[in-house]
């Protein structure tokens, strides 16, 4: 059974471990350096710790029975044409590789949509790599692409540099 637990600072080590493992399993193909530059810039434990204390950011661990299998991050964040009070951004959603393709993503998306509605948000939005299989999960959930642009990070493999913005009206 899939369950969700809101992260607290006491979960920091587990959250950080799952974040690193799931990112490495998912996105090493994007990078000439296997993602080392990106992880060093955006996945430092101190960043997660700081975000856990921010009341506009919500981290959840995903469990299969008692086993932690992934996590997601939501934040109150505006997007063009909508205010922060209307919006929730799905900033991260990762499952460990051995748990992908089993329908768990649909359960997670249903939880995220319900949580966003409970917070009185009318728009859920995200960014996803164009080359990512996750794009199909979001499309199935009803997200629509609104933008596409090229990322310009050091060590990024150019052919994979496109990222999409997608919106779901709740």
N, C-alpha and C. Protein backbone atom coordinates (compact mmCIF):
# COMPACT_ATOMS: atom_id res chain seq x y z
N UNK A 1 0.84 -1.18 0.00
CA UNK A 1 0.00 0.00 0.00
C UNK A 1 0.88 1.25 0.00
N UNK A 2 0.56 2.18 -0.86
CA UNK A 2 1.32 3.43 -0.98
C UNK A 2 0.78 4.44 0.02
N UNK A 3 1.69 5.03 0.81
CA UNK A 3 1.32 6.07 1.77
C UNK A 3 2.30 7.23 1.65
N UNK A 4 1.94 8.33 2.29
CA UNK A 4 2.71 9.56 2.21
C UNK A 4 2.94 10.09 3.61
N UNK A 5 4.13 10.60 3.85
CA UNK A 5 4.46 11.18 5.15
C UNK A 5 5.11 12.53 4.93
N UNK A 6 4.51 13.58 5.51
CA UNK A 6 5.09 14.92 5.40
C UNK A 6 6.46 14.90 6.07
N UNK A 7 7.45 15.43 5.38
CA UNK A 7 8.82 15.44 5.90
C UNK A 7 8.98 16.50 6.98
N UNK A 8 9.69 16.12 7.99
CA UNK A 8 10.12 17.03 9.04
C UNK A 8 11.65 17.02 9.01
N UNK A 9 12.26 17.89 9.79
CA UNK A 9 13.72 17.94 9.82
C UNK A 9 14.33 16.61 10.27
N UNK A 10 13.60 15.85 11.08
CA UNK A 10 14.09 14.54 11.53
C UNK A 10 14.22 13.55 10.37
N UNK A 11 13.56 13.84 9.24
CA UNK A 11 13.63 12.99 8.05
C UNK A 11 14.69 13.45 7.05
N UNK A 12 15.48 14.46 7.41
CA UNK A 12 16.41 15.09 6.47
C UNK A 12 17.37 14.09 5.83
N UNK A 13 18.01 13.24 6.61
CA UNK A 13 18.98 12.29 6.05
C UNK A 13 18.32 11.35 5.05
N UNK A 14 17.16 10.81 5.41
CA UNK A 14 16.45 9.90 4.51
C UNK A 14 16.00 10.63 3.24
N UNK A 15 15.45 11.81 3.39
CA UNK A 15 15.02 12.61 2.24
C UNK A 15 16.20 12.86 1.30
N UNK A 16 17.32 13.28 1.85
CA UNK A 16 18.49 13.59 1.04
C UNK A 16 19.01 12.34 0.33
N UNK A 17 19.05 11.22 1.03
CA UNK A 17 19.51 9.96 0.43
C UNK A 17 18.61 9.56 -0.75
N UNK A 18 17.30 9.60 -0.55
CA UNK A 18 16.36 9.23 -1.61
C UNK A 18 16.45 10.22 -2.78
N UNK A 19 16.62 11.50 -2.47
CA UNK A 19 16.74 12.52 -3.52
C UNK A 19 17.95 12.24 -4.40
N UNK A 20 19.09 11.99 -3.80
CA UNK A 20 20.31 11.71 -4.58
C UNK A 20 20.17 10.43 -5.39
N UNK A 21 19.71 9.37 -4.75
CA UNK A 21 19.59 8.08 -5.43
C UNK A 21 18.60 8.16 -6.59
N UNK A 22 17.44 8.74 -6.35
CA UNK A 22 16.42 8.78 -7.41
C UNK A 22 16.85 9.70 -8.55
N UNK A 23 17.50 10.82 -8.25
CA UNK A 23 17.97 11.69 -9.33
C UNK A 23 19.02 10.97 -10.17
N UNK A 24 19.97 10.33 -9.50
CA UNK A 24 21.02 9.61 -10.23
C UNK A 24 20.44 8.49 -11.09
N UNK A 25 19.43 7.81 -10.61
CA UNK A 25 18.81 6.72 -11.38
C UNK A 25 18.00 7.26 -12.57
N UNK A 26 17.55 8.49 -12.47
CA UNK A 26 16.63 9.04 -13.47
C UNK A 26 17.33 9.90 -14.52
N UNK A 27 18.27 10.74 -14.11
CA UNK A 27 18.71 11.80 -15.00
C UNK A 27 20.20 11.86 -15.29
N UNK A 28 20.97 10.85 -15.01
CA UNK A 28 22.39 10.90 -15.35
C UNK A 28 22.62 11.08 -16.84
N UNK A 29 21.71 10.59 -17.67
CA UNK A 29 21.88 10.67 -19.12
C UNK A 29 21.90 12.10 -19.65
N UNK A 30 21.42 13.06 -18.84
CA UNK A 30 21.37 14.45 -19.27
C UNK A 30 22.73 15.14 -19.25
N UNK A 31 23.67 14.56 -18.55
CA UNK A 31 24.90 15.27 -18.18
C UNK A 31 26.16 14.61 -18.70
N UNK A 32 27.12 15.44 -19.09
CA UNK A 32 28.46 14.94 -19.46
C UNK A 32 29.20 14.44 -18.23
N UNK A 33 28.88 15.00 -17.06
CA UNK A 33 29.55 14.60 -15.81
C UNK A 33 28.68 13.71 -14.93
N UNK A 34 27.62 13.13 -15.50
CA UNK A 34 26.73 12.26 -14.74
C UNK A 34 25.84 13.00 -13.76
N UNK A 35 25.81 14.31 -13.84
CA UNK A 35 24.96 15.11 -12.96
C UNK A 35 25.67 15.69 -11.75
N UNK A 36 26.98 15.48 -11.65
CA UNK A 36 27.73 15.93 -10.47
C UNK A 36 27.59 17.44 -10.26
N UNK A 37 27.72 18.22 -11.32
CA UNK A 37 27.61 19.68 -11.18
C UNK A 37 26.23 20.05 -10.64
N UNK A 38 25.18 19.51 -11.23
CA UNK A 38 23.81 19.84 -10.85
C UNK A 38 23.53 19.44 -9.40
N UNK A 39 23.92 18.23 -9.03
CA UNK A 39 23.68 17.77 -7.66
C UNK A 39 24.42 18.64 -6.65
N UNK A 40 25.63 19.03 -6.99
CA UNK A 40 26.40 19.88 -6.08
C UNK A 40 25.75 21.26 -5.92
N UNK A 41 25.12 21.74 -6.96
CA UNK A 41 24.51 23.08 -6.92
C UNK A 41 23.12 23.05 -6.27
N UNK A 42 22.30 22.04 -6.56
CA UNK A 42 20.90 22.06 -6.16
C UNK A 42 20.47 20.98 -5.17
N UNK A 43 21.34 20.03 -4.86
CA UNK A 43 20.94 18.92 -4.00
C UNK A 43 21.78 18.82 -2.72
N UNK A 44 22.31 19.92 -2.27
CA UNK A 44 23.05 19.92 -1.02
C UNK A 44 22.08 19.71 0.14
N UNK A 45 22.52 18.96 1.13
CA UNK A 45 21.67 18.67 2.28
C UNK A 45 21.21 19.96 2.96
N UNK A 46 22.06 20.98 2.98
CA UNK A 46 21.70 22.26 3.62
C UNK A 46 20.51 22.91 2.93
N UNK A 47 20.40 22.75 1.62
CA UNK A 47 19.26 23.31 0.88
C UNK A 47 17.97 22.63 1.32
N UNK A 48 18.01 21.30 1.40
CA UNK A 48 16.83 20.56 1.85
C UNK A 48 16.45 20.97 3.27
N UNK A 49 17.44 21.12 4.14
CA UNK A 49 17.18 21.51 5.53
C UNK A 49 16.50 22.87 5.58
N UNK A 50 17.02 23.83 4.83
CA UNK A 50 16.44 25.16 4.80
C UNK A 50 15.00 25.12 4.27
N UNK A 51 14.77 24.37 3.22
CA UNK A 51 13.44 24.29 2.63
C UNK A 51 12.43 23.61 3.56
N UNK A 52 12.89 22.65 4.36
CA UNK A 52 11.99 21.98 5.30
C UNK A 52 11.43 22.94 6.35
N UNK A 53 12.12 24.04 6.59
CA UNK A 53 11.64 25.01 7.58
C UNK A 53 10.81 26.13 6.95
N UNK A 54 10.64 26.11 5.64
CA UNK A 54 9.88 27.12 4.92
C UNK A 54 8.40 26.70 4.85
N UNK A 55 7.52 27.52 5.40
CA UNK A 55 6.09 27.15 5.47
C UNK A 55 5.39 27.14 4.11
N UNK A 56 6.04 27.64 3.06
CA UNK A 56 5.43 27.62 1.73
C UNK A 56 5.91 26.44 0.89
N UNK A 57 6.74 25.56 1.49
CA UNK A 57 7.29 24.39 0.80
C UNK A 57 6.87 23.13 1.56
N UNK A 58 6.43 22.13 0.82
CA UNK A 58 5.94 20.89 1.41
C UNK A 58 6.68 19.71 0.80
N UNK A 59 7.45 19.00 1.60
CA UNK A 59 8.11 17.77 1.17
C UNK A 59 7.34 16.59 1.74
N UNK A 60 7.16 15.57 0.92
CA UNK A 60 6.54 14.33 1.37
C UNK A 60 7.42 13.16 0.94
N UNK A 61 7.56 12.19 1.83
CA UNK A 61 8.19 10.92 1.48
C UNK A 61 7.08 9.98 1.03
N UNK A 62 7.39 9.15 0.05
CA UNK A 62 6.45 8.16 -0.47
C UNK A 62 6.90 6.79 0.03
N UNK A 63 5.96 6.03 0.58
CA UNK A 63 6.27 4.71 1.13
C UNK A 63 5.45 3.64 0.44
N UNK A 64 6.08 2.48 0.25
CA UNK A 64 5.38 1.25 -0.13
C UNK A 64 5.49 0.37 1.10
N UNK A 65 4.35 0.20 1.79
CA UNK A 65 4.36 -0.42 3.12
C UNK A 65 5.27 0.43 4.00
N UNK A 66 6.34 -0.15 4.57
CA UNK A 66 7.24 0.63 5.42
C UNK A 66 8.49 1.09 4.68
N UNK A 67 8.60 0.78 3.39
CA UNK A 67 9.79 1.10 2.61
C UNK A 67 9.68 2.46 1.92
N UNK A 68 10.63 3.37 2.21
CA UNK A 68 10.62 4.66 1.49
C UNK A 68 11.05 4.42 0.04
N UNK A 69 10.21 4.91 -0.90
CA UNK A 69 10.47 4.62 -2.31
C UNK A 69 10.57 5.87 -3.18
N UNK A 70 10.38 7.06 -2.59
CA UNK A 70 10.45 8.28 -3.36
C UNK A 70 10.05 9.47 -2.53
N UNK A 71 9.94 10.60 -3.21
CA UNK A 71 9.55 11.83 -2.53
C UNK A 71 9.02 12.82 -3.56
N UNK A 72 8.34 13.84 -3.04
CA UNK A 72 7.97 14.96 -3.89
C UNK A 72 8.00 16.24 -3.07
N UNK A 73 8.11 17.34 -3.82
CA UNK A 73 8.18 18.68 -3.23
C UNK A 73 7.15 19.56 -3.93
N UNK A 74 6.30 20.17 -3.12
CA UNK A 74 5.33 21.15 -3.61
C UNK A 74 5.68 22.49 -3.00
N UNK A 75 5.44 23.56 -3.75
CA UNK A 75 5.64 24.88 -3.17
C UNK A 75 4.63 25.86 -3.71
N UNK A 76 4.26 26.79 -2.84
CA UNK A 76 3.36 27.86 -3.23
C UNK A 76 4.17 28.82 -4.10
N UNK A 77 3.83 28.86 -5.37
CA UNK A 77 4.66 29.60 -6.32
C UNK A 77 3.81 30.05 -7.50
N UNK A 78 3.91 31.32 -7.88
CA UNK A 78 3.10 31.82 -9.00
C UNK A 78 3.65 31.36 -10.34
N UNK A 79 2.81 31.44 -11.32
CA UNK A 79 3.20 31.24 -12.71
C UNK A 79 2.49 32.33 -13.52
N UNK A 80 3.01 32.62 -14.69
CA UNK A 80 2.45 33.70 -15.51
C UNK A 80 0.92 33.61 -15.58
N UNK A 81 0.26 34.73 -15.35
CA UNK A 81 -1.19 34.89 -15.38
C UNK A 81 -1.90 34.43 -14.11
N UNK A 82 -1.16 33.91 -13.13
CA UNK A 82 -1.77 33.44 -11.89
C UNK A 82 -0.95 33.91 -10.69
N UNK A 83 -1.62 34.18 -9.59
CA UNK A 83 -0.92 34.62 -8.38
C UNK A 83 -0.44 33.42 -7.56
N UNK A 84 0.44 33.67 -6.62
CA UNK A 84 0.95 32.61 -5.74
C UNK A 84 -0.19 31.99 -4.93
N UNK A 85 -1.20 32.79 -4.58
CA UNK A 85 -2.33 32.27 -3.80
C UNK A 85 -3.17 31.27 -4.60
N UNK A 86 -3.08 31.34 -5.92
CA UNK A 86 -3.84 30.43 -6.78
C UNK A 86 -3.07 29.15 -7.11
N UNK A 87 -1.74 29.20 -6.97
CA UNK A 87 -0.89 28.17 -7.56
C UNK A 87 -0.16 27.30 -6.55
N UNK A 88 0.05 26.08 -6.97
CA UNK A 88 0.96 25.15 -6.30
C UNK A 88 1.86 24.60 -7.39
N UNK A 89 3.16 24.66 -7.14
CA UNK A 89 4.13 24.11 -8.09
C UNK A 89 4.59 22.75 -7.61
N UNK A 90 4.53 21.77 -8.49
CA UNK A 90 5.14 20.47 -8.23
C UNK A 90 6.59 20.59 -8.69
N UNK A 91 7.48 20.84 -7.74
CA UNK A 91 8.86 21.16 -8.06
C UNK A 91 9.72 19.92 -8.24
N UNK A 92 9.39 18.85 -7.52
CA UNK A 92 10.14 17.60 -7.67
C UNK A 92 9.18 16.44 -7.42
N UNK A 93 9.35 15.37 -8.18
CA UNK A 93 8.65 14.11 -7.95
C UNK A 93 9.55 13.01 -8.47
N UNK A 94 10.03 12.19 -7.56
CA UNK A 94 10.94 11.11 -7.93
C UNK A 94 10.58 9.82 -7.20
N UNK A 95 10.62 8.73 -7.94
CA UNK A 95 10.52 7.39 -7.37
C UNK A 95 11.83 6.68 -7.64
N UNK A 96 12.22 5.79 -6.72
CA UNK A 96 13.36 4.94 -7.00
C UNK A 96 13.04 4.10 -8.22
N UNK A 97 14.03 3.86 -9.04
CA UNK A 97 13.82 3.24 -10.36
C UNK A 97 13.02 1.94 -10.31
N UNK A 98 13.28 1.10 -9.33
CA UNK A 98 12.59 -0.20 -9.30
C UNK A 98 11.09 -0.09 -9.00
N UNK A 99 10.64 1.12 -8.65
CA UNK A 99 9.22 1.33 -8.37
C UNK A 99 8.50 2.08 -9.49
N UNK A 100 9.21 2.42 -10.56
CA UNK A 100 8.57 3.12 -11.67
C UNK A 100 7.85 2.11 -12.58
N UNK A 101 6.86 2.58 -13.30
CA UNK A 101 6.14 1.73 -14.23
C UNK A 101 5.17 0.76 -13.57
N UNK A 102 4.81 1.01 -12.30
CA UNK A 102 3.93 0.11 -11.56
C UNK A 102 2.60 0.77 -11.18
N UNK A 103 2.33 1.97 -11.74
CA UNK A 103 1.09 2.67 -11.43
C UNK A 103 1.16 3.52 -10.18
N UNK A 104 2.31 3.56 -9.53
CA UNK A 104 2.46 4.34 -8.30
C UNK A 104 2.36 5.84 -8.60
N UNK A 105 2.86 6.26 -9.75
CA UNK A 105 2.80 7.67 -10.12
C UNK A 105 1.38 8.21 -10.12
N UNK A 106 0.44 7.41 -10.57
CA UNK A 106 -0.96 7.83 -10.60
C UNK A 106 -1.48 8.06 -9.18
N UNK A 107 -1.13 7.17 -8.27
CA UNK A 107 -1.53 7.32 -6.86
C UNK A 107 -0.92 8.59 -6.27
N UNK A 108 0.35 8.83 -6.59
CA UNK A 108 1.03 10.03 -6.11
C UNK A 108 0.36 11.28 -6.67
N UNK A 109 0.07 11.29 -7.97
CA UNK A 109 -0.57 12.46 -8.58
C UNK A 109 -1.93 12.73 -7.95
N UNK A 110 -2.71 11.68 -7.67
CA UNK A 110 -4.01 11.88 -7.03
C UNK A 110 -3.85 12.53 -5.66
N UNK A 111 -2.84 12.11 -4.91
CA UNK A 111 -2.57 12.71 -3.60
C UNK A 111 -2.18 14.18 -3.77
N UNK A 112 -1.29 14.47 -4.71
CA UNK A 112 -0.82 15.84 -4.94
C UNK A 112 -1.98 16.76 -5.34
N UNK A 113 -2.83 16.28 -6.21
CA UNK A 113 -3.99 17.07 -6.64
C UNK A 113 -4.92 17.33 -5.46
N UNK A 114 -5.19 16.31 -4.66
CA UNK A 114 -6.05 16.48 -3.47
C UNK A 114 -5.43 17.45 -2.48
N UNK A 115 -4.13 17.33 -2.24
CA UNK A 115 -3.43 18.22 -1.31
C UNK A 115 -3.52 19.66 -1.80
N UNK A 116 -3.31 19.86 -3.09
CA UNK A 116 -3.37 21.21 -3.67
C UNK A 116 -4.76 21.81 -3.52
N UNK A 117 -5.77 21.00 -3.74
CA UNK A 117 -7.15 21.47 -3.57
C UNK A 117 -7.43 21.81 -2.10
N UNK A 118 -6.93 21.00 -1.18
CA UNK A 118 -7.10 21.28 0.26
C UNK A 118 -6.46 22.61 0.63
N UNK A 119 -5.41 22.99 -0.08
CA UNK A 119 -4.73 24.27 0.16
C UNK A 119 -5.39 25.39 -0.64
N UNK A 120 -6.55 25.10 -1.22
CA UNK A 120 -7.35 26.07 -1.98
C UNK A 120 -6.61 26.63 -3.19
N UNK A 121 -5.87 25.78 -3.88
CA UNK A 121 -5.17 26.17 -5.11
C UNK A 121 -6.03 25.78 -6.30
N UNK A 122 -6.04 26.63 -7.30
CA UNK A 122 -6.82 26.33 -8.51
C UNK A 122 -5.93 25.96 -9.69
N UNK A 123 -4.61 26.08 -9.50
CA UNK A 123 -3.66 25.75 -10.56
C UNK A 123 -2.50 24.96 -9.96
N UNK A 124 -2.21 23.83 -10.59
CA UNK A 124 -1.03 23.03 -10.25
C UNK A 124 -0.14 23.07 -11.49
N UNK A 125 1.13 23.39 -11.29
CA UNK A 125 2.02 23.49 -12.44
C UNK A 125 3.36 22.85 -12.13
N UNK A 126 4.13 22.59 -13.20
CA UNK A 126 5.41 21.93 -13.04
C UNK A 126 6.27 22.18 -14.27
N UNK A 127 7.52 21.81 -14.12
CA UNK A 127 8.45 21.77 -15.25
C UNK A 127 8.97 20.35 -15.33
N UNK A 128 9.11 19.85 -16.56
CA UNK A 128 9.58 18.49 -16.77
C UNK A 128 10.48 18.48 -18.01
N UNK A 129 11.52 17.70 -17.95
CA UNK A 129 12.40 17.56 -19.10
C UNK A 129 11.61 16.94 -20.25
N UNK A 130 11.77 17.49 -21.42
CA UNK A 130 11.06 16.98 -22.59
C UNK A 130 11.39 15.51 -22.84
N UNK A 131 12.60 15.10 -22.52
CA UNK A 131 13.05 13.73 -22.76
C UNK A 131 12.62 12.76 -21.66
N UNK A 132 11.98 13.24 -20.61
CA UNK A 132 11.63 12.40 -19.45
C UNK A 132 10.34 11.61 -19.68
N UNK A 133 10.35 10.37 -19.26
CA UNK A 133 9.12 9.56 -19.30
C UNK A 133 8.04 10.13 -18.38
N UNK A 134 8.43 10.91 -17.37
CA UNK A 134 7.46 11.51 -16.45
C UNK A 134 6.46 12.40 -17.19
N UNK A 135 6.87 12.94 -18.31
CA UNK A 135 5.99 13.81 -19.11
C UNK A 135 4.67 13.09 -19.41
N UNK A 136 4.73 11.79 -19.68
CA UNK A 136 3.54 11.02 -20.02
C UNK A 136 2.61 10.86 -18.81
N UNK A 137 3.18 10.71 -17.62
CA UNK A 137 2.38 10.66 -16.39
C UNK A 137 1.59 11.95 -16.23
N UNK A 138 2.26 13.08 -16.44
CA UNK A 138 1.60 14.37 -16.27
C UNK A 138 0.52 14.59 -17.33
N UNK A 139 0.79 14.18 -18.56
CA UNK A 139 -0.23 14.30 -19.60
C UNK A 139 -1.46 13.46 -19.27
N UNK A 140 -1.24 12.24 -18.77
CA UNK A 140 -2.36 11.37 -18.38
C UNK A 140 -3.17 11.99 -17.25
N UNK A 141 -2.51 12.75 -16.38
CA UNK A 141 -3.19 13.40 -15.25
C UNK A 141 -3.94 14.66 -15.70
N UNK A 142 -3.75 15.08 -16.96
CA UNK A 142 -4.48 16.22 -17.48
C UNK A 142 -3.68 17.50 -17.63
N UNK A 143 -2.39 17.45 -17.35
CA UNK A 143 -1.55 18.63 -17.52
C UNK A 143 -1.42 18.97 -19.00
N UNK A 144 -1.37 20.27 -19.28
CA UNK A 144 -1.20 20.77 -20.64
C UNK A 144 0.08 21.58 -20.72
N UNK A 145 0.84 21.37 -21.79
CA UNK A 145 2.07 22.13 -22.00
C UNK A 145 1.74 23.57 -22.34
N UNK A 146 2.44 24.50 -21.66
CA UNK A 146 2.24 25.92 -21.93
C UNK A 146 3.51 26.61 -22.42
N UNK A 147 4.66 25.96 -22.25
CA UNK A 147 5.91 26.60 -22.63
C UNK A 147 6.98 25.53 -22.85
N UNK A 148 8.00 25.91 -23.59
CA UNK A 148 9.16 25.05 -23.82
C UNK A 148 10.37 25.95 -23.99
N UNK A 149 11.43 25.63 -23.28
CA UNK A 149 12.65 26.41 -23.47
C UNK A 149 13.87 25.53 -23.22
N UNK A 150 15.01 26.06 -23.61
CA UNK A 150 16.27 25.32 -23.51
C UNK A 150 17.02 25.76 -22.26
N UNK A 151 17.45 24.78 -21.48
CA UNK A 151 18.28 25.05 -20.31
C UNK A 151 19.73 25.25 -20.76
N UNK A 152 20.43 26.11 -20.05
CA UNK A 152 21.82 26.39 -20.39
C UNK A 152 22.69 26.19 -19.15
N UNK A 153 22.87 24.93 -18.77
CA UNK A 153 23.70 24.59 -17.62
C UNK A 153 25.03 24.03 -18.10
N UNK A 154 26.10 24.28 -17.34
CA UNK A 154 27.37 23.64 -17.68
C UNK A 154 27.21 22.11 -17.58
N UNK A 155 27.89 21.40 -18.41
CA UNK A 155 27.89 19.93 -18.40
C UNK A 155 26.61 19.30 -18.97
N UNK A 156 25.66 20.13 -19.42
CA UNK A 156 24.41 19.61 -19.96
C UNK A 156 24.62 19.12 -21.38
N UNK A 157 24.09 17.97 -21.72
CA UNK A 157 24.15 17.46 -23.09
C UNK A 157 23.06 18.18 -23.91
N UNK A 158 23.47 18.91 -24.90
CA UNK A 158 22.61 19.84 -25.64
C UNK A 158 21.33 19.19 -26.17
N UNK A 159 21.40 17.99 -26.67
CA UNK A 159 20.21 17.37 -27.27
C UNK A 159 19.11 17.10 -26.25
N UNK A 160 19.42 17.11 -24.96
CA UNK A 160 18.42 16.87 -23.92
C UNK A 160 18.05 18.13 -23.16
N UNK A 161 18.43 19.29 -23.64
CA UNK A 161 18.34 20.52 -22.85
C UNK A 161 16.95 21.16 -22.80
N UNK A 162 15.96 20.55 -23.41
CA UNK A 162 14.65 21.21 -23.45
C UNK A 162 13.77 20.79 -22.27
N UNK A 163 13.15 21.81 -21.68
CA UNK A 163 12.27 21.60 -20.53
C UNK A 163 10.91 22.21 -20.85
N UNK A 164 9.87 21.55 -20.38
CA UNK A 164 8.49 21.98 -20.64
C UNK A 164 7.87 22.52 -19.37
N UNK A 165 7.03 23.52 -19.51
CA UNK A 165 6.18 23.97 -18.42
C UNK A 165 4.80 23.40 -18.71
N UNK A 166 4.17 22.80 -17.67
CA UNK A 166 2.86 22.20 -17.84
C UNK A 166 1.94 22.68 -16.71
N UNK A 167 0.67 22.86 -17.03
CA UNK A 167 -0.32 23.37 -16.07
C UNK A 167 -1.54 22.44 -16.04
N UNK A 168 -2.07 22.29 -14.82
CA UNK A 168 -3.33 21.59 -14.63
C UNK A 168 -4.24 22.53 -13.84
N UNK A 169 -5.38 22.86 -14.40
CA UNK A 169 -6.36 23.67 -13.67
C UNK A 169 -7.20 22.72 -12.82
N UNK A 170 -7.28 23.06 -11.54
CA UNK A 170 -7.98 22.17 -10.58
C UNK A 170 -9.43 22.57 -10.40
